[in-house]
Amino acid sequence: MAEDDEDRADALFHALADRTRRDILRRVLAGEHSVSALAAGYEMSFAAVQKHVAVLERAGLLTKRRNGREQLASGDVAAVRSVGSMLTELEQVWRGRIARIDELIATEEEH
């Protein structure tokens, strides 16, 4: 992976490492929400929710737009798919190792 891709992966997985951010992401993937409506769903300050939203936005998992005085957040499906692609790539590496181990065991059993 190129350095930029590694940095992006770090940002994506850092953003997804937090339970609240994953919940916010689920909500904004289901539909656009104002940041204040998102904040109302948590027992934390508005500023704390804003920080979670900012982490998700920096990772590219959500986008914000202004509508008057409100900031509306929506999820980026393509970014979520890229996380899935990264995990699939890691799974393929793992499956390749398992296949090689199976081959070695089969070779040992033949002898």
N, C-alpha and C. Protein backbone atom coordinates (compact mmCIF):
# COMPACT_ATOMS: atom_id res chain seq x y z
N MET A 1 0.84 -1.19 0.00
CA MET A 1 0.00 0.00 0.00
C MET A 1 0.88 1.25 0.00
N ALA A 2 0.47 2.25 -0.73
CA ALA A 2 1.21 3.52 -0.77
C ALA A 2 1.04 4.25 0.56
N GLU A 3 1.96 5.14 0.86
CA GLU A 3 1.93 5.88 2.13
C GLU A 3 0.61 6.64 2.32
N ASP A 4 0.11 7.28 1.26
CA ASP A 4 -1.17 8.00 1.35
C ASP A 4 -2.31 7.05 1.68
N ASP A 5 -2.29 5.86 1.08
CA ASP A 5 -3.32 4.87 1.35
C ASP A 5 -3.25 4.40 2.80
N GLU A 6 -2.02 4.25 3.30
CA GLU A 6 -1.85 3.84 4.70
C GLU A 6 -2.37 4.92 5.65
N ASP A 7 -2.09 6.18 5.33
CA ASP A 7 -2.59 7.28 6.15
C ASP A 7 -4.11 7.31 6.15
N ARG A 8 -4.70 7.07 4.99
CA ARG A 8 -6.17 7.04 4.89
C ARG A 8 -6.73 5.88 5.70
N ALA A 9 -6.10 4.72 5.61
CA ALA A 9 -6.55 3.57 6.38
C ALA A 9 -6.46 3.87 7.88
N ASP A 10 -5.37 4.51 8.31
CA ASP A 10 -5.24 4.88 9.72
C ASP A 10 -6.39 5.78 10.15
N ALA A 11 -6.70 6.79 9.34
CA ALA A 11 -7.78 7.72 9.68
C ALA A 11 -9.13 7.02 9.73
N LEU A 12 -9.38 6.14 8.77
CA LEU A 12 -10.66 5.42 8.73
C LEU A 12 -10.82 4.52 9.95
N PHE A 13 -9.81 3.73 10.25
CA PHE A 13 -9.93 2.80 11.36
C PHE A 13 -9.91 3.51 12.71
N HIS A 14 -9.19 4.62 12.80
CA HIS A 14 -9.24 5.43 14.03
C HIS A 14 -10.66 5.94 14.24
N ALA A 15 -11.26 6.45 13.18
CA ALA A 15 -12.63 6.98 13.29
C ALA A 15 -13.61 5.88 13.69
N LEU A 16 -13.42 4.69 13.16
CA LEU A 16 -14.34 3.59 13.44
C LEU A 16 -14.05 2.88 14.76
N ALA A 17 -12.95 3.22 15.40
CA ALA A 17 -12.57 2.54 16.64
C ALA A 17 -13.43 2.95 17.83
N ASP A 18 -14.20 4.01 17.67
CA ASP A 18 -15.01 4.52 18.77
C ASP A 18 -16.48 4.16 18.57
N ARG A 19 -17.10 3.63 19.61
CA ARG A 19 -18.50 3.18 19.57
C ARG A 19 -19.46 4.32 19.20
N THR A 20 -19.25 5.49 19.79
CA THR A 20 -20.13 6.63 19.50
C THR A 20 -20.01 7.04 18.05
N ARG A 21 -18.78 7.08 17.53
CA ARG A 21 -18.61 7.46 16.12
C ARG A 21 -19.24 6.44 15.20
N ARG A 22 -19.13 5.15 15.53
CA ARG A 22 -19.80 4.13 14.70
C ARG A 22 -21.31 4.34 14.71
N ASP A 23 -21.85 4.68 15.86
CA ASP A 23 -23.29 4.92 15.95
C ASP A 23 -23.70 6.15 15.14
N ILE A 24 -22.92 7.22 15.26
CA ILE A 24 -23.19 8.42 14.46
C ILE A 24 -23.14 8.07 12.98
N LEU A 25 -22.14 7.31 12.58
CA LEU A 25 -22.02 6.93 11.17
C LEU A 25 -23.24 6.14 10.71
N ARG A 26 -23.70 5.18 11.52
CA ARG A 26 -24.92 4.43 11.15
C ARG A 26 -26.09 5.37 10.94
N ARG A 27 -26.22 6.33 11.83
CA ARG A 27 -27.35 7.27 11.74
C ARG A 27 -27.28 8.13 10.48
N VAL A 28 -26.09 8.63 10.15
CA VAL A 28 -25.99 9.51 8.98
C VAL A 28 -25.98 8.73 7.68
N LEU A 29 -25.64 7.45 7.74
CA LEU A 29 -25.76 6.63 6.53
C LEU A 29 -27.23 6.36 6.22
N ALA A 30 -28.04 6.29 7.26
CA ALA A 30 -29.48 6.05 7.09
C ALA A 30 -30.20 7.29 6.58
N GLY A 31 -29.61 8.46 6.79
CA GLY A 31 -30.23 9.70 6.33
C GLY A 31 -29.53 10.90 6.93
N GLU A 32 -29.71 12.02 6.29
CA GLU A 32 -29.07 13.26 6.73
C GLU A 32 -29.65 13.71 8.07
N HIS A 33 -28.77 14.15 8.96
CA HIS A 33 -29.16 14.64 10.29
C HIS A 33 -28.42 15.92 10.59
N SER A 34 -29.08 16.82 11.31
CA SER A 34 -28.35 17.99 11.79
C SER A 34 -27.45 17.53 12.93
N VAL A 35 -26.34 18.23 13.11
CA VAL A 35 -25.42 17.88 14.18
C VAL A 35 -26.12 18.03 15.52
N SER A 36 -27.01 19.03 15.66
CA SER A 36 -27.72 19.20 16.93
C SER A 36 -28.68 18.04 17.17
N ALA A 37 -29.32 17.50 16.13
CA ALA A 37 -30.19 16.32 16.30
C ALA A 37 -29.36 15.10 16.68
N LEU A 38 -28.17 14.98 16.09
CA LEU A 38 -27.29 13.88 16.47
C LEU A 38 -26.90 14.00 17.94
N ALA A 39 -26.55 15.21 18.36
CA ALA A 39 -26.11 15.44 19.74
C ALA A 39 -27.20 15.11 20.74
N ALA A 40 -28.44 15.34 20.38
CA ALA A 40 -29.56 15.09 21.30
C ALA A 40 -29.67 13.62 21.67
N GLY A 41 -29.11 12.74 20.85
CA GLY A 41 -29.21 11.32 21.11
C GLY A 41 -28.15 10.76 22.06
N TYR A 42 -27.29 11.60 22.58
CA TYR A 42 -26.18 11.13 23.41
C TYR A 42 -26.13 11.89 24.73
N GLU A 43 -25.67 11.20 25.75
CA GLU A 43 -25.50 11.83 27.06
C GLU A 43 -24.10 12.43 27.16
N MET A 44 -23.83 13.37 26.27
CA MET A 44 -22.56 14.09 26.28
C MET A 44 -22.84 15.48 25.74
N SER A 45 -21.88 16.35 25.87
CA SER A 45 -22.08 17.72 25.43
C SER A 45 -22.17 17.81 23.91
N PHE A 46 -22.77 18.88 23.44
CA PHE A 46 -22.84 19.16 22.01
C PHE A 46 -21.42 19.22 21.44
N ALA A 47 -20.51 19.87 22.19
CA ALA A 47 -19.12 20.01 21.72
C ALA A 47 -18.46 18.65 21.55
N ALA A 48 -18.76 17.72 22.45
CA ALA A 48 -18.17 16.38 22.34
C ALA A 48 -18.68 15.68 21.08
N VAL A 49 -19.96 15.81 20.79
CA VAL A 49 -20.52 15.19 19.57
C VAL A 49 -19.92 15.86 18.35
N GLN A 50 -19.76 17.18 18.40
CA GLN A 50 -19.12 17.89 17.28
C GLN A 50 -17.73 17.34 17.01
N LYS A 51 -16.98 17.03 18.06
CA LYS A 51 -15.64 16.48 17.89
C LYS A 51 -15.70 15.11 17.22
N HIS A 52 -16.65 14.28 17.63
CA HIS A 52 -16.82 12.97 16.99
C HIS A 52 -17.15 13.14 15.51
N VAL A 53 -18.04 14.06 15.22
CA VAL A 53 -18.42 14.33 13.82
C VAL A 53 -17.20 14.80 13.04
N ALA A 54 -16.37 15.64 13.66
CA ALA A 54 -15.17 16.15 12.98
C ALA A 54 -14.20 15.02 12.66
N VAL A 55 -14.05 14.06 13.55
CA VAL A 55 -13.16 12.91 13.29
C VAL A 55 -13.69 12.12 12.09
N LEU A 56 -15.00 11.88 12.07
CA LEU A 56 -15.61 11.15 10.95
C LEU A 56 -15.47 11.93 9.65
N GLU A 57 -15.60 13.24 9.73
CA GLU A 57 -15.46 14.08 8.53
C GLU A 57 -14.02 14.06 8.02
N ARG A 58 -13.04 14.19 8.92
CA ARG A 58 -11.62 14.15 8.51
C ARG A 58 -11.27 12.82 7.86
N ALA A 59 -11.90 11.75 8.33
CA ALA A 59 -11.65 10.43 7.75
C ALA A 59 -12.38 10.24 6.43
N GLY A 60 -13.26 11.17 6.09
CA GLY A 60 -14.01 11.08 4.84
C GLY A 60 -15.25 10.20 4.92
N LEU A 61 -15.63 9.83 6.15
CA LEU A 61 -16.79 8.95 6.31
C LEU A 61 -18.12 9.70 6.30
N LEU A 62 -18.06 11.00 6.55
CA LEU A 62 -19.28 11.80 6.42
C LEU A 62 -18.94 13.17 5.88
N THR A 63 -19.94 13.82 5.36
CA THR A 63 -19.78 15.18 4.86
C THR A 63 -20.81 16.05 5.57
N LYS A 64 -20.48 17.35 5.68
CA LYS A 64 -21.40 18.31 6.29
C LYS A 64 -21.70 19.39 5.27
N ARG A 65 -22.91 19.91 5.39
CA ARG A 65 -23.28 21.08 4.59
C ARG A 65 -24.10 22.00 5.47
N ARG A 66 -24.08 23.25 5.14
CA ARG A 66 -24.86 24.23 5.90
C ARG A 66 -26.24 24.39 5.29
N ASN A 67 -27.23 24.50 6.15
CA ASN A 67 -28.60 24.83 5.75
C ASN A 67 -29.07 25.88 6.73
N GLY A 68 -28.87 27.14 6.37
CA GLY A 68 -29.15 28.22 7.31
C GLY A 68 -28.16 28.15 8.46
N ARG A 69 -28.69 28.05 9.68
CA ARG A 69 -27.82 27.99 10.86
C ARG A 69 -27.43 26.56 11.22
N GLU A 70 -28.04 25.58 10.57
CA GLU A 70 -27.78 24.18 10.89
C GLU A 70 -26.64 23.60 10.04
N GLN A 71 -25.92 22.68 10.65
CA GLN A 71 -24.95 21.87 9.91
C GLN A 71 -25.58 20.50 9.75
N LEU A 72 -25.74 20.09 8.50
CA LEU A 72 -26.34 18.79 8.23
C LEU A 72 -25.25 17.80 7.83
N ALA A 73 -25.31 16.63 8.42
CA ALA A 73 -24.30 15.60 8.17
C ALA A 73 -24.93 14.43 7.45
N SER A 74 -24.19 13.88 6.49
CA SER A 74 -24.64 12.67 5.80
C SER A 74 -23.43 11.75 5.59
N GLY A 75 -23.70 10.45 5.58
CA GLY A 75 -22.64 9.46 5.45
C GLY A 75 -22.19 9.31 4.02
N ASP A 76 -20.94 8.93 3.85
CA ASP A 76 -20.36 8.70 2.53
C ASP A 76 -20.24 7.19 2.32
N VAL A 77 -21.15 6.64 1.53
CA VAL A 77 -21.20 5.20 1.28
C VAL A 77 -19.91 4.71 0.62
N ALA A 78 -19.35 5.49 -0.28
CA ALA A 78 -18.11 5.08 -0.97
C ALA A 78 -16.97 4.90 0.03
N ALA A 79 -16.89 5.76 1.03
CA ALA A 79 -15.84 5.63 2.04
C ALA A 79 -16.04 4.36 2.86
N VAL A 80 -17.29 4.05 3.18
CA VAL A 80 -17.58 2.83 3.93
C VAL A 80 -17.21 1.61 3.09
N ARG A 81 -17.49 1.67 1.81
CA ARG A 81 -17.11 0.57 0.91
C ARG A 81 -15.59 0.40 0.86
N SER A 82 -14.87 1.51 0.92
CA SER A 82 -13.40 1.41 0.89
C SER A 82 -12.89 0.69 2.14
N VAL A 83 -13.55 0.89 3.28
CA VAL A 83 -13.18 0.15 4.49
C VAL A 83 -13.42 -1.33 4.25
N GLY A 84 -14.57 -1.66 3.66
CA GLY A 84 -14.88 -3.05 3.34
C GLY A 84 -13.83 -3.65 2.41
N SER A 85 -13.39 -2.88 1.44
CA SER A 85 -12.36 -3.36 0.50
C SER A 85 -11.05 -3.64 1.22
N MET A 86 -10.68 -2.75 2.14
CA MET A 86 -9.45 -2.96 2.90
C MET A 86 -9.54 -4.25 3.72
N LEU A 87 -10.69 -4.47 4.35
CA LEU A 87 -10.86 -5.67 5.16
C LEU A 87 -10.86 -6.93 4.28
N THR A 88 -11.44 -6.83 3.09
CA THR A 88 -11.43 -7.96 2.17
C THR A 88 -10.01 -8.29 1.74
N GLU A 89 -9.21 -7.26 1.49
CA GLU A 89 -7.80 -7.46 1.13
C GLU A 89 -7.04 -8.18 2.24
N LEU A 90 -7.28 -7.76 3.49
CA LEU A 90 -6.63 -8.41 4.63
C LEU A 90 -7.10 -9.86 4.77
N GLU A 91 -8.37 -10.09 4.52
CA GLU A 91 -8.91 -11.45 4.60
C GLU A 91 -8.27 -12.34 3.54
N GLN A 92 -8.05 -11.80 2.35
CA GLN A 92 -7.42 -12.58 1.28
C GLN A 92 -5.99 -12.98 1.65
N VAL A 93 -5.27 -12.07 2.28
CA VAL A 93 -3.92 -12.39 2.74
C VAL A 93 -3.99 -13.52 3.76
N TRP A 94 -4.91 -13.40 4.71
CA TRP A 94 -5.08 -14.43 5.73
C TRP A 94 -5.46 -15.77 5.12
N ARG A 95 -6.41 -15.76 4.19
CA ARG A 95 -6.83 -17.01 3.55
C ARG A 95 -5.67 -17.64 2.76
N GLY A 96 -4.82 -16.82 2.16
CA GLY A 96 -3.65 -17.32 1.45
C GLY A 96 -2.70 -18.04 2.40
N ARG A 97 -2.51 -17.48 3.59
CA ARG A 97 -1.65 -18.14 4.58
C ARG A 97 -2.25 -19.47 5.01
N ILE A 98 -3.54 -19.50 5.24
CA ILE A 98 -4.22 -20.74 5.65
C ILE A 98 -4.07 -21.79 4.55
N ALA A 99 -4.23 -21.37 3.30
CA ALA A 99 -4.09 -22.32 2.18
C ALA A 99 -2.67 -22.89 2.14
N ARG A 100 -1.66 -22.04 2.37
CA ARG A 100 -0.27 -22.53 2.37
C ARG A 100 -0.03 -23.49 3.54
N ILE A 101 -0.60 -23.21 4.67
CA ILE A 101 -0.47 -24.12 5.82
C ILE A 101 -1.12 -25.45 5.50
N ASP A 102 -2.30 -25.42 4.89
CA ASP A 102 -2.98 -26.66 4.49
C ASP A 102 -2.13 -27.46 3.53
N GLU A 103 -1.47 -26.77 2.58
CA GLU A 103 -0.60 -27.45 1.63
C GLU A 103 0.59 -28.11 2.33
N LEU A 104 1.18 -27.40 3.29
CA LEU A 104 2.30 -27.97 4.04
C LEU A 104 1.87 -29.19 4.84
N ILE A 105 0.73 -29.13 5.46
CA ILE A 105 0.22 -30.28 6.23
C ILE A 105 -0.02 -31.47 5.29
N ALA A 106 -0.61 -31.20 4.14
CA ALA A 106 -0.88 -32.28 3.18
C ALA A 106 0.43 -32.91 2.69
N THR A 107 1.45 -32.09 2.46
CA THR A 107 2.74 -32.58 2.02
C THR A 107 3.39 -33.44 3.12
N GLU A 108 3.29 -33.00 4.37
CA GLU A 108 3.85 -33.76 5.48
C GLU A 108 3.14 -35.09 5.66
N GLU A 109 1.83 -35.10 5.45
CA GLU A 109 1.05 -36.34 5.62
C GLU A 109 1.40 -37.37 4.54
N GLU A 110 1.82 -36.89 3.37
CA GLU A 110 2.20 -37.79 2.28
C GLU A 110 3.51 -38.50 2.57
N HIS A 111 4.35 -37.91 3.39
CA HIS A 111 5.67 -38.49 3.67
C HIS A 111 5.62 -39.39 4.82
